[in-house]
Amino acid sequence: MLRVQAIAPAVYWRMRAISLGAAALLSVAMAAAAAPEHREIEELYRKGLMGDKAAVEQCIAKLEEGLRLQPQNQLGRVYLGSAYTLRSRDLGFGPKKLQTLRQGLRVMDEAVANAPEDPKVRLGRALTTSALPGLFGRAGESRNDFLQLAELAKTAPAKFDATDLQIVYYNAGLAAKANGDAARAAELWREGLRHGSDATLKQKIEAELAKAPR
């Protein structure tokens, strides 16, 4: 079990910006809300990713209110959990930081448990946990999420947007690479080049393929 006093402040919480596409996915999290509120939540989340502490708190408040109105909205739930991890990032060193992180992880896990076949929900968790330092023990789960998503994308691609597919195949390739399966990684990256139009992500995929064994 992680103990606050056992973790050096320098490595205790080094939350990176969540992977490409997370903020875009949030735009549909509160699907029944008015369009202006969609945009407001998305913008608050985006600002939060960039380090705006006030935006994180405003985003959390709006997501919590949305879930009170729509308690079965699991995409909203997974992004609320993600927003809690951003709150943890912003807290000073101490027990509250770890407690808040665990709260965020628990909420995301609940969302995935409630909607295990919803790719956007699982992707929301995967994008968030992939940004956590390895000492939190979520790397394996994150890799499994991406690999499960890649399998689902193969059998039911209509469940994904094109941008989602590009994100999934890129990260699933990284997961396969981390698991020691270079051939599978290259296969996933090649599939990723067939989807989406984000130039930066395309460059990342091409760079990984250039390094892959032939």
C-alpha atoms as a PDB file:
ATOM      1  CA  MET A   1       0.000   0.000   0.000  1.00  0.00           C
ATOM      2  CA  LEU A   2       1.224   3.493  -0.814  1.00  0.00           C
ATOM      3  CA  ARG A   3       2.033   5.610   2.205  1.00  0.00           C
ATOM      4  CA  VAL A   4       2.349   9.357   1.971  1.00  0.00           C
ATOM      5  CA  GLN A   5       5.436   9.504   4.163  1.00  0.00           C
ATOM      6  CA  ALA A   6       7.162   6.887   2.000  1.00  0.00           C
ATOM      7  CA  ILE A   7       6.949   8.885  -1.215  1.00  0.00           C
ATOM      8  CA  ALA A   8       9.451  11.638  -1.884  1.00  0.00           C
ATOM      9  CA  PRO A   9       7.754  14.959  -2.708  1.00  0.00           C
ATOM     10  CA  ALA A  10       9.686  15.233  -5.966  1.00  0.00           C
ATOM     11  CA  VAL A  11       8.052  12.094  -7.378  1.00  0.00           C
ATOM     12  CA  TYR A  12       4.876  11.913  -5.305  1.00  0.00           C
ATOM     13  CA  TRP A  13       2.690  13.496  -7.946  1.00  0.00           C
ATOM     14  CA  ARG A  14       3.989  14.393 -11.403  1.00  0.00           C
ATOM     15  CA  MET A  15       0.769  14.397 -13.406  1.00  0.00           C
ATOM     16  CA  ARG A  16       1.511  14.902 -17.076  1.00  0.00           C
ATOM     17  CA  ALA A  17      -0.988  16.472 -19.454  1.00  0.00           C
ATOM     18  CA  ILE A  18      -3.487  13.762 -20.361  1.00  0.00           C
ATOM     19  CA  SER A  19      -2.943  12.222 -23.790  1.00  0.00           C
ATOM     20  CA  LEU A  20      -4.158  13.795 -26.995  1.00  0.00           C
ATOM     21  CA  GLY A  21      -7.917  13.625 -27.438  1.00  0.00           C
ATOM     22  CA  ALA A  22      -9.059  13.574 -23.811  1.00  0.00           C
ATOM     23  CA  ALA A  23     -10.430  17.097 -23.872  1.00  0.00           C
ATOM     24  CA  ALA A  24     -12.212  16.457 -27.162  1.00  0.00           C
ATOM     25  CA  LEU A  25     -13.851  13.345 -25.740  1.00  0.00           C
ATOM     26  CA  LEU A  26     -15.171  15.333 -22.800  1.00  0.00           C
ATOM     27  CA  SER A  27     -17.257  17.471 -25.147  1.00  0.00           C
ATOM     28  CA  VAL A  28     -19.829  14.673 -25.358  1.00  0.00           C
ATOM     29  CA  ALA A  29     -19.687  13.695 -21.691  1.00  0.00           C
ATOM     30  CA  MET A  30     -22.815  15.605 -20.736  1.00  0.00           C
ATOM     31  CA  ALA A  31     -24.827  14.641 -23.795  1.00  0.00           C
ATOM     32  CA  ALA A  32     -28.215  15.819 -22.535  1.00  0.00           C
ATOM     33  CA  ALA A  33     -27.012  19.237 -21.438  1.00  0.00           C
ATOM     34  CA  ALA A  34     -27.469  22.363 -23.505  1.00  0.00           C
ATOM     35  CA  ALA A  35     -24.829  22.920 -26.180  1.00  0.00           C
ATOM     36  CA  PRO A  36     -23.358  26.023 -24.487  1.00  0.00           C
ATOM     37  CA  GLU A  37     -22.782  23.994 -21.316  1.00  0.00           C
ATOM     38  CA  HIS A  38     -21.030  21.288 -23.377  1.00  0.00           C
ATOM     39  CA  ARG A  39     -18.594  23.859 -24.635  1.00  0.00           C
ATOM     40  CA  GLU A  40     -18.113  25.425 -21.227  1.00  0.00           C
ATOM     41  CA  ILE A  41     -17.236  22.102 -19.568  1.00  0.00           C
ATOM     42  CA  GLU A  42     -14.918  21.152 -22.414  1.00  0.00           C
ATOM     43  CA  GLU A  43     -13.128  24.481 -22.180  1.00  0.00           C
ATOM     44  CA  LEU A  44     -12.804  24.245 -18.393  1.00  0.00           C
ATOM     45  CA  TYR A  45     -11.358  20.745 -18.707  1.00  0.00           C
ATOM     46  CA  ARG A  46      -8.908  21.876 -21.386  1.00  0.00           C
ATOM     47  CA  LYS A  47      -7.763  24.766 -19.192  1.00  0.00           C
ATOM     48  CA  GLY A  48      -7.447  22.379 -16.274  1.00  0.00           C
ATOM     49  CA  LEU A  49      -5.154  20.134 -18.294  1.00  0.00           C
ATOM     50  CA  MET A  50      -2.975  23.152 -18.961  1.00  0.00           C
ATOM     51  CA  GLY A  51      -2.647  23.846 -15.231  1.00  0.00           C
ATOM     52  CA  ASP A  52      -5.514  26.254 -14.480  1.00  0.00           C
ATOM     53  CA  LYS A  53      -6.496  25.306 -10.920  1.00  0.00           C
ATOM     54  CA  ALA A  54      -9.646  27.429 -10.863  1.00  0.00           C
ATOM     55  CA  ALA A  55     -10.841  25.809 -14.095  1.00  0.00           C
ATOM     56  CA  VAL A  56     -10.378  22.352 -12.542  1.00  0.00           C
ATOM     57  CA  GLU A  57     -12.631  23.272  -9.617  1.00  0.00           C
ATOM     58  CA  GLN A  58     -15.267  24.807 -11.890  1.00  0.00           C
ATOM     59  CA  CYS A  59     -15.165  21.749 -14.148  1.00  0.00           C
ATOM     60  CA  ILE A  60     -15.632  19.420 -11.170  1.00  0.00           C
ATOM     61  CA  ALA A  61     -18.590  21.446  -9.906  1.00  0.00           C
ATOM     62  CA  LYS A  62     -20.323  21.297 -13.284  1.00  0.00           C
ATOM     63  CA  LEU A  63     -19.665  17.583 -13.753  1.00  0.00           C
ATOM     64  CA  GLU A  64     -20.929  16.817 -10.244  1.00  0.00           C
ATOM     65  CA  GLU A  65     -24.095  18.791 -10.926  1.00  0.00           C
ATOM     66  CA  GLY A  66     -24.531  17.047 -14.270  1.00  0.00           C
ATOM     67  CA  LEU A  67     -24.270  13.646 -12.610  1.00  0.00           C
ATOM     68  CA  ARG A  68     -26.853  14.618 -10.016  1.00  0.00           C
ATOM     69  CA  LEU A  69     -29.214  15.218 -12.942  1.00  0.00           C
ATOM     70  CA  GLN A  70     -28.004  12.213 -14.985  1.00  0.00           C
ATOM     71  CA  PRO A  71     -26.640   9.615 -12.536  1.00  0.00           C
ATOM     72  CA  GLN A  72     -26.319   6.974 -15.274  1.00  0.00           C
ATOM     73  CA  ASN A  73     -24.050   9.114 -17.454  1.00  0.00           C
ATOM     74  CA  GLN A  74     -20.895   7.007 -17.197  1.00  0.00           C
ATOM     75  CA  LEU A  75     -18.894   9.159 -19.595  1.00  0.00           C
ATOM     76  CA  GLY A  76     -19.575  12.129 -17.362  1.00  0.00           C
ATOM     77  CA  ARG A  77     -18.541   9.971 -14.400  1.00  0.00           C
ATOM     78  CA  VAL A  78     -15.230   8.899 -15.916  1.00  0.00           C
ATOM     79  CA  TYR A  79     -14.315  12.499 -16.689  1.00  0.00           C
ATOM     80  CA  LEU A  80     -15.322  13.591 -13.220  1.00  0.00           C
ATOM     81  CA  GLY A  81     -12.847  11.013 -11.935  1.00  0.00           C
ATOM     82  CA  SER A  82     -10.240  12.364 -14.317  1.00  0.00           C
ATOM     83  CA  ALA A  83     -10.922  15.895 -13.093  1.00  0.00           C
ATOM     84  CA  TYR A  84     -10.409  14.715  -9.506  1.00  0.00           C
ATOM     85  CA  THR A  85      -6.932  13.523 -10.508  1.00  0.00           C
ATOM     86  CA  LEU A  86      -6.239  17.030 -11.800  1.00  0.00           C
ATOM     87  CA  ARG A  87      -7.358  18.392  -8.436  1.00  0.00           C
ATOM     88  CA  SER A  88      -4.894  15.990  -6.806  1.00  0.00           C
ATOM     89  CA  ARG A  89      -2.150  17.288  -9.070  1.00  0.00           C
ATOM     90  CA  ASP A  90      -2.823  20.809  -7.821  1.00  0.00           C
ATOM     91  CA  LEU A  91      -2.928  20.047  -4.094  1.00  0.00           C
ATOM     92  CA  GLY A  92       0.089  20.582  -1.870  1.00  0.00           C
ATOM     93  CA  PHE A  93       2.091  17.647  -0.563  1.00  0.00           C
ATOM     94  CA  GLY A  94       0.224  15.721   2.126  1.00  0.00           C
ATOM     95  CA  PRO A  95      -2.406  13.028   2.757  1.00  0.00           C
ATOM     96  CA  LYS A  96      -5.186  14.945   0.967  1.00  0.00           C
ATOM     97  CA  LYS A  97      -3.285  14.711  -2.308  1.00  0.00           C
ATOM     98  CA  LEU A  98      -3.228  10.920  -2.299  1.00  0.00           C
ATOM     99  CA  GLN A  99      -6.800  10.689  -0.990  1.00  0.00           C
ATOM    100  CA  THR A 100      -8.045  12.851  -3.853  1.00  0.00           C
ATOM    101  CA  LEU A 101      -6.135  10.822  -6.415  1.00  0.00           C
ATOM    102  CA  ARG A 102      -7.649   7.624  -5.045  1.00  0.00           C
ATOM    103  CA  GLN A 103     -11.084   9.239  -5.204  1.00  0.00           C
ATOM    104  CA  GLY A 104     -10.563  10.006  -8.877  1.00  0.00           C
ATOM    105  CA  LEU A 105      -9.366   6.491  -9.651  1.00  0.00           C
ATOM    106  CA  ARG A 106     -12.300   4.980  -7.768  1.00  0.00           C
ATOM    107  CA  VAL A 107     -14.828   7.093  -9.681  1.00  0.00           C
ATOM    108  CA  MET A 108     -13.260   6.151 -13.026  1.00  0.00           C
ATOM    109  CA  ASP A 109     -13.245   2.472 -12.062  1.00  0.00           C
ATOM    110  CA  GLU A 110     -16.942   2.712 -11.166  1.00  0.00           C
ATOM    111  CA  ALA A 111     -17.696   4.217 -14.565  1.00  0.00           C
ATOM    112  CA  VAL A 112     -15.881   1.430 -16.417  1.00  0.00           C
ATOM    113  CA  ALA A 113     -17.530  -1.235 -14.243  1.00  0.00           C
ATOM    114  CA  ASN A 114     -20.945   0.256 -15.038  1.00  0.00           C
ATOM    115  CA  ALA A 115     -20.267   0.533 -18.783  1.00  0.00           C
ATOM    116  CA  PRO A 116     -17.535  -1.993 -19.650  1.00  0.00           C
ATOM    117  CA  GLU A 117     -18.427  -2.083 -23.347  1.00  0.00           C
ATOM    118  CA  ASP A 118     -18.552   1.691 -23.826  1.00  0.00           C
ATOM    119  CA  PRO A 119     -15.285   2.552 -25.580  1.00  0.00           C
ATOM    120  CA  LYS A 120     -15.355   6.236 -24.674  1.00  0.00           C
ATOM    121  CA  VAL A 121     -15.658   5.434 -20.976  1.00  0.00           C
ATOM    122  CA  ARG A 122     -12.771   2.957 -21.032  1.00  0.00           C
ATOM    123  CA  LEU A 123     -10.725   5.323 -23.179  1.00  0.00           C
ATOM    124  CA  GLY A 124     -11.305   8.142 -20.695  1.00  0.00           C
ATOM    125  CA  ARG A 125      -9.836   6.013 -17.910  1.00  0.00           C
ATOM    126  CA  ALA A 126      -6.989   4.742 -20.064  1.00  0.00           C
ATOM    127  CA  LEU A 127      -5.945   8.228 -21.131  1.00  0.00           C
ATOM    128  CA  THR A 128      -5.902   9.385 -17.520  1.00  0.00           C
ATOM    129  CA  THR A 129      -4.135   6.420 -15.934  1.00  0.00           C
ATOM    130  CA  SER A 130      -1.525   6.360 -18.700  1.00  0.00           C
ATOM    131  CA  ALA A 131      -0.456   9.809 -17.486  1.00  0.00           C
ATOM    132  CA  LEU A 132       0.179   8.655 -13.916  1.00  0.00           C
ATOM    133  CA  PRO A 133       3.697   7.994 -12.611  1.00  0.00           C
ATOM    134  CA  GLY A 134       4.481   4.290 -12.501  1.00  0.00           C
ATOM    135  CA  LEU A 135       4.650   4.184  -8.710  1.00  0.00           C
ATOM    136  CA  PHE A 136       0.841   4.284  -8.570  1.00  0.00           C
ATOM    137  CA  GLY A 137       0.634   0.818 -10.100  1.00  0.00           C
ATOM    138  CA  ARG A 138      -1.791   1.597 -12.915  1.00  0.00           C
ATOM    139  CA  ALA A 139       0.503   1.087 -15.908  1.00  0.00           C
ATOM    140  CA  GLY A 140      -0.552  -2.513 -16.494  1.00  0.00           C
ATOM    141  CA  GLU A 141      -4.233  -1.675 -16.284  1.00  0.00           C
ATOM    142  CA  SER A 142      -3.785   1.232 -18.675  1.00  0.00           C
ATOM    143  CA  ARG A 143      -2.033  -1.026 -21.196  1.00  0.00           C
ATOM    144  CA  ASN A 144      -4.804  -3.606 -20.873  1.00  0.00           C
ATOM    145  CA  ASP A 145      -7.445  -0.931 -21.446  1.00  0.00           C
ATOM    146  CA  PHE A 146      -5.791   0.201 -24.667  1.00  0.00           C
ATOM    147  CA  LEU A 147      -5.325  -3.360 -25.904  1.00  0.00           C
ATOM    148  CA  GLN A 148      -8.967  -4.185 -25.130  1.00  0.00           C
ATOM    149  CA  LEU A 149     -10.013  -1.062 -26.979  1.00  0.00           C
ATOM    150  CA  ALA A 150      -7.934  -2.094 -29.994  1.00  0.00           C
ATOM    151  CA  GLU A 151      -9.674  -5.478 -30.064  1.00  0.00           C
ATOM    152  CA  LEU A 152     -13.067  -3.797 -29.822  1.00  0.00           C
ATOM    153  CA  ALA A 153     -12.079  -1.374 -32.578  1.00  0.00           C
ATOM    154  CA  LYS A 154     -11.236  -4.338 -34.796  1.00  0.00           C
ATOM    155  CA  THR A 155     -14.602  -6.033 -34.297  1.00  0.00           C
ATOM    156  CA  ALA A 156     -16.860  -2.982 -33.881  1.00  0.00           C
ATOM    157  CA  PRO A 157     -15.165   0.071 -35.438  1.00  0.00           C
ATOM    158  CA  ALA A 158     -18.502   1.871 -35.757  1.00  0.00           C
ATOM    159  CA  LYS A 159     -18.451   2.407 -31.988  1.00  0.00           C
ATOM    160  CA  PHE A 160     -15.458   4.734 -32.398  1.00  0.00           C
ATOM    161  CA  ASP A 161     -14.892   8.107 -33.976  1.00  0.00           C
ATOM    162  CA  ALA A 162     -11.980   8.290 -36.411  1.00  0.00           C
ATOM    163  CA  THR A 163      -9.950  10.355 -33.945  1.00  0.00           C
ATOM    164  CA  ASP A 164     -10.691   7.837 -31.189  1.00  0.00           C
ATOM    165  CA  LEU A 165      -9.357   5.053 -33.405  1.00  0.00           C
ATOM    166  CA  GLN A 166      -6.135   6.921 -34.092  1.00  0.00           C
ATOM    167  CA  ILE A 167      -5.623   7.491 -30.361  1.00  0.00           C
ATOM    168  CA  VAL A 168      -6.481   3.888 -29.488  1.00  0.00           C
ATOM    169  CA  TYR A 169      -4.167   2.287 -32.036  1.00  0.00           C
ATOM    170  CA  TYR A 170      -1.259   4.567 -31.153  1.00  0.00           C
ATOM    171  CA  ASN A 171      -1.534   3.853 -27.439  1.00  0.00           C
ATOM    172  CA  ALA A 172      -2.295   0.162 -27.952  1.00  0.00           C
ATOM    173  CA  GLY A 173       0.899  -0.025 -29.983  1.00  0.00           C
ATOM    174  CA  LEU A 174       2.815   1.509 -27.093  1.00  0.00           C
ATOM    175  CA  ALA A 175       1.175  -1.033 -24.776  1.00  0.00           C
ATOM    176  CA  ALA A 176       2.187  -3.950 -26.983  1.00  0.00           C
ATOM    177  CA  LYS A 177       5.716  -2.555 -27.198  1.00  0.00           C
ATOM    178  CA  ALA A 178       5.902  -2.286 -23.400  1.00  0.00           C
ATOM    179  CA  ASN A 179       4.696  -5.896 -23.178  1.00  0.00           C
ATOM    180  CA  GLY A 180       7.563  -6.988 -25.421  1.00  0.00           C
ATOM    181  CA  ASP A 181       5.470  -7.717 -28.530  1.00  0.00           C
ATOM    182  CA  ALA A 182       7.172  -5.604 -31.185  1.00  0.00           C
ATOM    183  CA  ALA A 183       5.373  -7.263 -34.100  1.00  0.00           C
ATOM    184  CA  ARG A 184       1.961  -6.578 -32.590  1.00  0.00           C
ATOM    185  CA  ALA A 185       2.975  -3.005 -31.811  1.00  0.00           C
ATOM    186  CA  ALA A 186       3.943  -2.357 -35.433  1.00  0.00           C
ATOM    187  CA  GLU A 187       0.685  -3.915 -36.631  1.00  0.00           C
ATOM    188  CA  LEU A 188      -1.332  -1.616 -34.365  1.00  0.00           C
ATOM    189  CA  TRP A 189       0.586   1.487 -35.427  1.00  0.00           C
ATOM    190  CA  ARG A 190       0.098   0.672 -39.106  1.00  0.00           C
ATOM    191  CA  GLU A 191      -3.613   0.376 -38.441  1.00  0.00           C
ATOM    192  CA  GLY A 192      -3.493   3.710 -36.626  1.00  0.00           C
ATOM    193  CA  LEU A 193      -2.197   5.408 -39.759  1.00  0.00           C
ATOM    194  CA  ARG A 194      -5.433   4.422 -41.495  1.00  0.00           C
ATOM    195  CA  HIS A 195      -7.558   6.458 -39.094  1.00  0.00           C
ATOM    196  CA  GLY A 196      -7.912  10.020 -37.904  1.00  0.00           C
ATOM    197  CA  SER A 197      -6.365  13.168 -39.248  1.00  0.00           C
ATOM    198  CA  ASP A 198      -4.317  14.572 -36.385  1.00  0.00           C
ATOM    199  CA  ALA A 199      -0.947  15.419 -37.898  1.00  0.00           C
ATOM    200  CA  THR A 200       0.942  15.400 -34.597  1.00  0.00           C
ATOM    201  CA  LEU A 201      -0.311  11.962 -33.644  1.00  0.00           C
ATOM    202  CA  LYS A 202       0.420  10.690 -37.141  1.00  0.00           C
ATOM    203  CA  GLN A 203       4.019  11.872 -36.751  1.00  0.00           C
ATOM    204  CA  LYS A 204       4.288  10.050 -33.431  1.00  0.00           C
ATOM    205  CA  ILE A 205       3.033   6.830 -35.004  1.00  0.00           C
ATOM    206  CA  GLU A 206       5.441   7.170 -37.925  1.00  0.00           C
ATOM    207  CA  ALA A 207       8.315   7.811 -35.515  1.00  0.00           C
ATOM    208  CA  GLU A 208       7.493   4.628 -33.590  1.00  0.00           C
ATOM    209  CA  LEU A 209       7.286   2.611 -36.802  1.00  0.00           C
ATOM    210  CA  ALA A 210      10.648   3.983 -37.911  1.00  0.00           C
ATOM    211  CA  LYS A 211      12.204   2.622 -34.703  1.00  0.00           C
ATOM    212  CA  ALA A 212      10.394  -0.721 -34.844  1.00  0.00           C
ATOM    213  CA  PRO A 213      12.363  -3.882 -35.758  1.00  0.00           C
ATOM    214  CA  ARG A 214      11.926  -4.977 -39.354  1.00  0.00           C
END
